[in-house]
Amino acid sequence: MVHTTVCYSKQDAVPISALPAFGSSDEFHALCNEVGHWVGHKGQTCVVLKIISSDIVRLNAQLQAAGAKHTFTPYSPHITLSDDFGDITDETQKMIDAVNQELALNPIQLVFDRYQVGDQDN
């Protein structure tokens, strides 16, 4: 199962009662159009699938309006492929660039069908 983090916060979470209602038929639609990498919240190199989703961005905004404090701004929806990849070598970057050329022409359609609240770091 893959997931995307809608709001990562090192502060106290908002109360469950403040979260938007999520019905059994609700879905969040997204497109994956790029592989990227950055330094994660633990100082390691993360490799991610970047996604575009107005549904997920809207949910992030609703959580922030309810009082959630997003630790990383701006919010960048993604799916983490590796949270401890190591160095991005020239060869690795060439592979990422090749995948990104394909994703630019053929983005991957995704549907997220539920959300979970909790401390995923512990």
Protein backbone atom coordinates (compact mmCIF):
# COMPACT_ATOMS: atom_id res chain seq x y z
CA MET A 1 0.00 0.00 0.00
CA VAL A 2 1.32 3.45 -0.87
CA HIS A 3 0.50 6.61 0.99
CA THR A 4 1.04 10.33 0.84
CA THR A 5 1.40 12.49 3.92
CA VAL A 6 -1.20 15.23 3.88
CA CYS A 7 0.13 17.17 6.86
CA TYR A 8 3.45 16.45 8.59
CA SER A 9 3.72 18.28 11.88
CA LYS A 10 6.15 18.02 14.75
CA GLN A 11 3.60 19.87 16.88
CA ASP A 12 0.48 18.51 18.55
CA ALA A 13 -2.10 17.17 16.14
CA VAL A 14 -5.50 18.77 15.71
CA PRO A 15 -8.36 17.02 17.51
CA ILE A 16 -9.99 14.23 15.53
CA SER A 17 -13.31 16.13 15.78
CA ALA A 18 -11.75 19.01 13.79
CA LEU A 19 -10.90 16.80 10.79
CA PRO A 20 -13.05 16.94 7.68
CA ALA A 21 -15.56 14.12 7.33
CA PHE A 22 -14.46 11.35 4.99
CA GLY A 23 -17.20 9.13 3.60
CA SER A 24 -16.77 5.57 2.41
CA SER A 25 -17.21 6.71 -1.20
CA ASP A 26 -14.71 9.59 -1.02
CA GLU A 27 -11.54 9.41 -3.09
CA PHE A 28 -8.55 11.67 -3.62
CA HIS A 29 -7.35 11.77 -7.22
CA ALA A 30 -3.76 12.53 -8.18
CA LEU A 31 -1.24 12.39 -11.01
CA CYS A 32 2.36 11.32 -10.52
CA ASN A 33 4.48 13.29 -12.95
CA GLU A 34 8.02 13.41 -11.56
CA VAL A 35 10.63 11.65 -9.43
CA GLY A 36 12.47 14.01 -7.13
CA HIS A 37 14.79 14.00 -4.15
CA TRP A 38 15.49 16.22 -1.18
CA VAL A 39 16.88 16.17 2.33
CA GLY A 40 14.24 14.75 4.66
CA HIS A 41 13.27 15.73 8.19
CA LYS A 42 15.91 13.41 9.64
CA GLY A 43 18.72 14.81 7.45
CA GLN A 44 18.80 11.90 4.98
CA THR A 45 18.22 11.89 1.21
CA CYS A 46 14.63 11.02 0.30
CA VAL A 47 13.60 9.89 -3.16
CA VAL A 48 9.96 10.65 -3.92
CA LEU A 49 7.27 10.51 -6.57
CA LYS A 50 5.90 14.04 -6.81
CA ILE A 51 2.16 14.19 -7.28
CA ILE A 52 -0.33 16.79 -8.40
CA SER A 53 -3.69 16.71 -6.65
CA SER A 54 -6.10 19.52 -5.94
CA ASP A 55 -7.98 17.05 -3.66
CA ILE A 56 -4.94 16.45 -1.47
CA VAL A 57 -3.90 20.11 -1.43
CA ARG A 58 -7.45 21.03 -0.39
CA LEU A 59 -7.36 18.48 2.46
CA ASN A 60 -4.01 19.91 3.60
CA ALA A 61 -5.55 23.41 3.61
CA GLN A 62 -8.56 22.15 5.61
CA LEU A 63 -6.25 20.59 8.20
CA GLN A 64 -4.24 23.79 8.49
CA ALA A 65 -7.47 25.81 8.83
CA ALA A 66 -8.42 23.44 11.68
CA GLY A 67 -5.16 24.33 13.45
CA ALA A 68 -2.62 21.83 12.12
CA LYS A 69 0.86 23.30 11.77
CA HIS A 70 2.60 21.91 8.68
CA THR A 71 6.33 21.58 9.48
CA PHE A 72 7.55 21.90 5.89
CA THR A 73 6.40 24.72 3.64
CA PRO A 74 5.39 24.95 0.98
CA TYR A 75 3.40 21.73 1.08
CA SER A 76 4.61 19.36 -1.64
CA PRO A 77 2.41 16.27 -2.14
CA HIS A 78 4.53 13.19 -2.77
CA ILE A 79 4.96 9.46 -2.21
CA THR A 80 8.23 8.54 -0.53
CA LEU A 81 10.07 5.76 -2.35
CA SER A 82 13.11 5.81 -0.05
CA ASP A 83 13.72 7.83 3.09
CA ASP A 84 17.40 6.93 3.35
CA PHE A 85 18.68 6.67 -0.22
CA GLY A 86 22.24 7.88 0.21
CA ASP A 87 24.06 10.05 -2.31
CA ILE A 88 22.47 10.93 -5.63
CA THR A 89 25.27 10.14 -8.07
CA ASP A 90 25.45 11.39 -11.66
CA GLU A 91 24.37 7.92 -12.81
CA THR A 92 21.39 7.93 -10.45
CA GLN A 93 20.39 11.40 -11.62
CA LYS A 94 20.53 10.23 -15.25
CA MET A 95 18.13 7.38 -14.38
CA ILE A 96 15.81 9.81 -12.59
CA ASP A 97 15.90 12.15 -15.59
CA ALA A 98 14.99 9.26 -17.94
CA VAL A 99 12.05 8.28 -15.74
CA ASN A 100 10.93 11.91 -15.59
CA GLN A 101 10.93 12.15 -19.38
CA GLU A 102 8.56 9.17 -19.49
CA LEU A 103 6.36 10.55 -16.68
CA ALA A 104 6.10 13.90 -18.48
CA LEU A 105 4.52 12.08 -21.42
CA ASN A 106 2.62 9.44 -19.42
CA PRO A 107 1.84 10.54 -15.87
CA ILE A 108 0.57 7.85 -13.51
CA GLN A 109 -3.02 8.25 -12.33
CA LEU A 110 -3.54 7.51 -8.63
CA VAL A 111 -6.57 7.21 -6.39
CA PHE A 112 -6.28 7.38 -2.60
CA ASP A 113 -9.36 5.95 -0.96
CA ARG A 114 -8.88 6.60 2.75
CA TYR A 115 -6.92 8.64 5.22
CA GLN A 116 -5.37 7.82 8.55
CA VAL A 117 -4.55 10.10 11.44
CA GLY A 118 -1.63 9.38 13.70
CA ASP A 119 2.01 9.75 14.55
CA GLN A 120 3.74 7.85 11.77
CA ASP A 121 7.25 8.56 13.11
CA ASN A 122 6.72 6.44 16.23
